[in-house]
Amino acid sequence: MANDGYHDRQNFEMENWPELRESMNNIFKLVFPTREVSGELKQFVFTAASLASGCLHCQSHGSYHLHRIGVSDEKIQAMWTYQDSDLFTQAERAALDLAFAAGVAPNAVEPENFEELRKHFTDTQIIEILAVIAVGGFLNRWNDTIATVTDQESVDWASEVLAQVGWDAGKHTGKTEEQRKAHPITLGWTNK
């Protein structure tokens, strides 16, 4: 492998701590499916928090997941300018505002974010949105710290669709032999 500063990144993947991988999968199965907040909005929130944090790996995964569940590429691209897009409702904008504010360090959430959220969501729904942001924060930090190599399935889609809004794989490129065979949803990881 080329000396890219992450020469042993595979040693630091969650798969090397099976109990952590299993625990995280259980959290994913709890937090991401539709409950009172739709799975689609949760994926938008996750992706927005990943945009704010700068994790290109999670940006591609969240966006590709949206694509896989049937969200139009146009709406996924519009997330980069969601405040001005008529493809998003006021409720979605409030959730994305929170995700973008919470995804940066230091956290930029203000009381006004919750005032706007309460116009559209119950306290239980806001807790669901917060849980997605928190899980996203963990994944953003993990994947961006070790420069997790993004699977080719996600890279191919993101290179075609998200490159138009400025996305590139950045430090998550790696060598072909480092890549997972496919997106975690395709591999069924959360079903394990």
Protein backbone atom coordinates (compact mmCIF):
# COMPACT_ATOMS: atom_id res chain seq x y z
CA MET A 1 0.00 0.00 0.00
CA ALA A 2 1.17 3.49 -0.74
CA ASN A 3 2.30 5.43 2.30
CA ASP A 4 -0.72 7.70 2.70
CA GLY A 5 -0.38 8.10 6.46
CA TYR A 6 -3.12 5.53 7.12
CA HIS A 7 -1.01 2.47 6.30
CA ASP A 8 -2.59 0.22 8.92
CA ARG A 9 -6.17 1.53 8.84
CA GLN A 10 -7.62 -1.97 8.46
CA ASN A 11 -6.21 -2.77 11.89
CA PHE A 12 -8.53 -0.12 13.35
CA GLU A 13 -11.83 -1.14 11.77
CA MET A 14 -14.73 -2.07 14.06
CA GLU A 15 -14.70 -5.62 12.68
CA ASN A 16 -11.57 -6.15 14.79
CA TRP A 17 -13.70 -5.68 17.93
CA PRO A 18 -16.70 -7.92 17.20
CA GLU A 19 -18.60 -6.88 20.34
CA LEU A 20 -18.35 -3.23 19.30
CA ARG A 21 -19.55 -4.04 15.76
CA GLU A 22 -22.50 -6.02 17.16
CA SER A 23 -23.38 -3.27 19.64
CA MET A 24 -23.23 -0.62 16.92
CA ASN A 25 -25.41 -2.74 14.62
CA ASN A 26 -27.97 -2.98 17.43
CA ILE A 27 -27.90 0.81 17.81
CA PHE A 28 -28.33 1.24 14.05
CA LYS A 29 -31.33 -1.14 14.08
CA LEU A 30 -32.85 0.88 16.92
CA VAL A 31 -32.15 4.41 15.69
CA PHE A 32 -32.43 4.41 11.89
CA PRO A 33 -35.68 2.61 10.97
CA THR A 34 -38.93 4.51 10.74
CA ARG A 35 -40.57 4.94 14.12
CA GLU A 36 -42.24 8.31 14.60
CA VAL A 37 -39.75 9.94 12.21
CA SER A 38 -39.40 8.49 8.72
CA GLY A 39 -36.31 6.54 7.75
CA GLU A 40 -35.88 8.94 4.84
CA LEU A 41 -35.70 12.01 7.08
CA LYS A 42 -33.32 10.16 9.39
CA GLN A 43 -30.98 9.47 6.48
CA PHE A 44 -31.13 13.12 5.45
CA VAL A 45 -30.31 14.14 9.03
CA PHE A 46 -27.40 11.68 9.16
CA THR A 47 -26.05 12.92 5.85
CA ALA A 48 -26.43 16.59 6.84
CA ALA A 49 -24.52 15.98 10.08
CA SER A 50 -21.84 14.21 8.03
CA LEU A 51 -21.65 17.18 5.67
CA ALA A 52 -21.20 19.49 8.64
CA SER A 53 -18.51 17.31 10.18
CA GLY A 54 -16.67 16.95 6.86
CA CYS A 55 -16.68 13.14 6.75
CA LEU A 56 -16.72 12.38 3.02
CA HIS A 57 -17.09 8.64 3.66
CA CYS A 58 -20.31 9.09 5.66
CA GLN A 59 -21.58 11.68 3.17
CA SER A 60 -21.35 9.13 0.37
CA HIS A 61 -22.88 6.36 2.48
CA GLY A 62 -25.80 8.47 3.72
CA SER A 63 -26.50 9.85 0.26
CA TYR A 64 -26.26 6.44 -1.41
CA HIS A 65 -28.61 5.01 1.21
CA LEU A 66 -31.12 7.76 0.31
CA HIS A 67 -30.73 6.79 -3.34
CA ARG A 68 -31.28 3.10 -2.49
CA ILE A 69 -34.55 3.84 -0.68
CA GLY A 70 -35.88 5.74 -3.68
CA VAL A 71 -35.11 9.40 -3.00
CA SER A 72 -34.49 11.28 -6.23
CA ASP A 73 -30.93 12.25 -7.05
CA GLU A 74 -32.20 15.81 -7.50
CA LYS A 75 -33.40 15.99 -3.89
CA ILE A 76 -30.19 14.40 -2.60
CA GLN A 77 -28.13 17.01 -4.47
CA ALA A 78 -30.43 19.76 -3.20
CA MET A 79 -29.38 18.95 0.37
CA TRP A 80 -26.31 21.11 -0.26
CA THR A 81 -28.67 24.07 -0.72
CA TYR A 82 -31.71 22.78 1.20
CA GLN A 83 -32.63 26.19 2.67
CA ASP A 84 -33.39 27.52 -0.80
CA SER A 85 -34.86 24.35 -2.30
CA ASP A 86 -38.58 23.82 -2.71
CA LEU A 87 -37.89 20.07 -2.52
CA PHE A 88 -37.74 20.31 1.29
CA THR A 89 -40.59 21.05 3.67
CA GLN A 90 -40.26 23.47 6.57
CA ALA A 91 -40.15 20.46 8.92
CA GLU A 92 -37.29 18.91 6.94
CA ARG A 93 -35.44 22.23 6.94
CA ALA A 94 -35.78 22.49 10.73
CA ALA A 95 -34.36 18.98 11.16
CA LEU A 96 -31.51 19.68 8.73
CA ASP A 97 -30.76 23.00 10.45
CA LEU A 98 -30.30 21.07 13.69
CA ALA A 99 -28.15 18.42 12.01
CA PHE A 100 -25.86 20.98 10.38
CA ALA A 101 -25.53 22.96 13.63
CA ALA A 102 -24.91 19.83 15.72
CA GLY A 103 -22.48 18.29 13.24
CA VAL A 104 -19.84 20.99 13.54
CA ALA A 105 -17.31 21.37 16.35
CA PRO A 106 -17.86 23.27 18.47
CA ASN A 107 -21.55 22.49 18.41
CA ALA A 108 -23.53 25.44 17.02
CA VAL A 109 -27.05 24.47 18.13
CA GLU A 110 -29.04 27.38 19.56
CA PRO A 111 -32.38 27.51 21.43
CA GLU A 112 -33.95 28.75 18.20
CA ASN A 113 -33.25 25.37 16.61
CA PHE A 114 -35.51 23.71 19.17
CA GLU A 115 -38.16 26.41 18.87
CA GLU A 116 -38.37 25.68 15.14
CA LEU A 117 -38.30 21.90 15.64
CA ARG A 118 -41.21 22.07 18.11
CA LYS A 119 -43.36 23.67 15.40
CA HIS A 120 -43.13 20.42 13.44
CA PHE A 121 -42.13 17.58 15.77
CA THR A 122 -43.07 16.10 19.15
CA ASP A 123 -40.45 15.73 21.87
CA THR A 124 -40.23 12.00 21.08
CA GLN A 125 -39.58 12.77 17.41
CA ILE A 126 -36.90 15.31 18.36
CA ILE A 127 -35.22 12.63 20.50
CA GLU A 128 -35.18 10.34 17.44
CA ILE A 129 -33.57 13.08 15.36
CA LEU A 130 -31.00 13.74 18.09
CA ALA A 131 -30.19 10.02 18.28
CA VAL A 132 -29.45 9.95 14.54
CA ILE A 133 -27.15 12.97 14.89
CA ALA A 134 -25.34 11.37 17.84
CA VAL A 135 -24.82 8.04 16.06
CA GLY A 136 -23.69 9.99 13.00
CA GLY A 137 -21.19 11.86 15.16
CA PHE A 138 -19.66 8.59 16.33
CA LEU A 139 -19.43 7.24 12.77
CA ASN A 140 -18.11 10.55 11.40
CA ARG A 141 -15.31 10.62 13.96
CA TRP A 142 -14.43 6.94 13.56
CA ASN A 143 -14.43 6.86 9.75
CA ASP A 144 -12.78 10.24 9.24
CA THR A 145 -10.07 9.53 11.83
CA ILE A 146 -8.89 6.30 10.23
CA ALA A 147 -9.80 7.39 6.67
CA THR A 148 -12.06 4.38 6.15
CA VAL A 149 -11.92 3.31 2.52
CA THR A 150 -15.32 3.86 0.94
CA ASP A 151 -16.77 0.91 -0.97
CA GLN A 152 -16.72 1.18 -4.75
CA GLU A 153 -20.51 0.95 -5.00
CA SER A 154 -20.92 4.16 -3.00
CA VAL A 155 -17.94 5.87 -4.65
CA ASP A 156 -19.23 5.15 -8.15
CA TRP A 157 -22.67 6.56 -7.35
CA ALA A 158 -21.34 9.58 -5.43
CA SER A 159 -18.76 10.35 -8.13
CA GLU A 160 -21.54 10.53 -10.69
CA VAL A 161 -24.21 12.31 -8.65
CA LEU A 162 -22.51 14.17 -5.79
CA ALA A 163 -19.47 15.37 -7.71
CA GLN A 164 -21.87 17.90 -9.26
CA VAL A 165 -22.22 19.52 -5.81
CA GLY A 166 -18.53 19.30 -4.93
CA TRP A 167 -18.11 15.83 -3.35
CA ASP A 168 -15.03 13.70 -3.89
CA ALA A 169 -13.70 10.66 -2.03
CA GLY A 170 -10.71 12.55 -0.64
CA LYS A 171 -8.64 10.53 1.81
CA HIS A 172 -11.18 7.67 1.72
CA THR A 173 -9.95 6.34 -1.64
CA GLY A 174 -7.45 3.64 -0.64
CA LYS A 175 -6.57 0.62 -2.70
CA THR A 176 -9.09 -1.71 -4.30
CA GLU A 177 -8.17 -4.57 -1.95
CA GLU A 178 -9.04 -2.35 1.04
CA GLN A 179 -12.59 -1.73 -0.09
CA ARG A 180 -15.65 -3.51 1.20
CA LYS A 181 -17.44 -5.32 -1.57
CA ALA A 182 -20.46 -3.00 -1.32
CA HIS A 183 -22.38 -0.47 0.78
CA PRO A 184 -23.20 -1.81 4.29
CA ILE A 185 -26.92 -1.91 3.42
CA THR A 186 -26.20 -4.09 0.38
CA LEU A 187 -24.07 -6.37 2.57
CA GLY A 188 -26.87 -6.61 5.16
CA TRP A 189 -24.57 -5.60 8.05
CA THR A 190 -27.33 -4.15 10.17
CA ASN A 191 -29.28 -7.39 9.84
CA LYS A 192 -26.52 -9.44 11.42
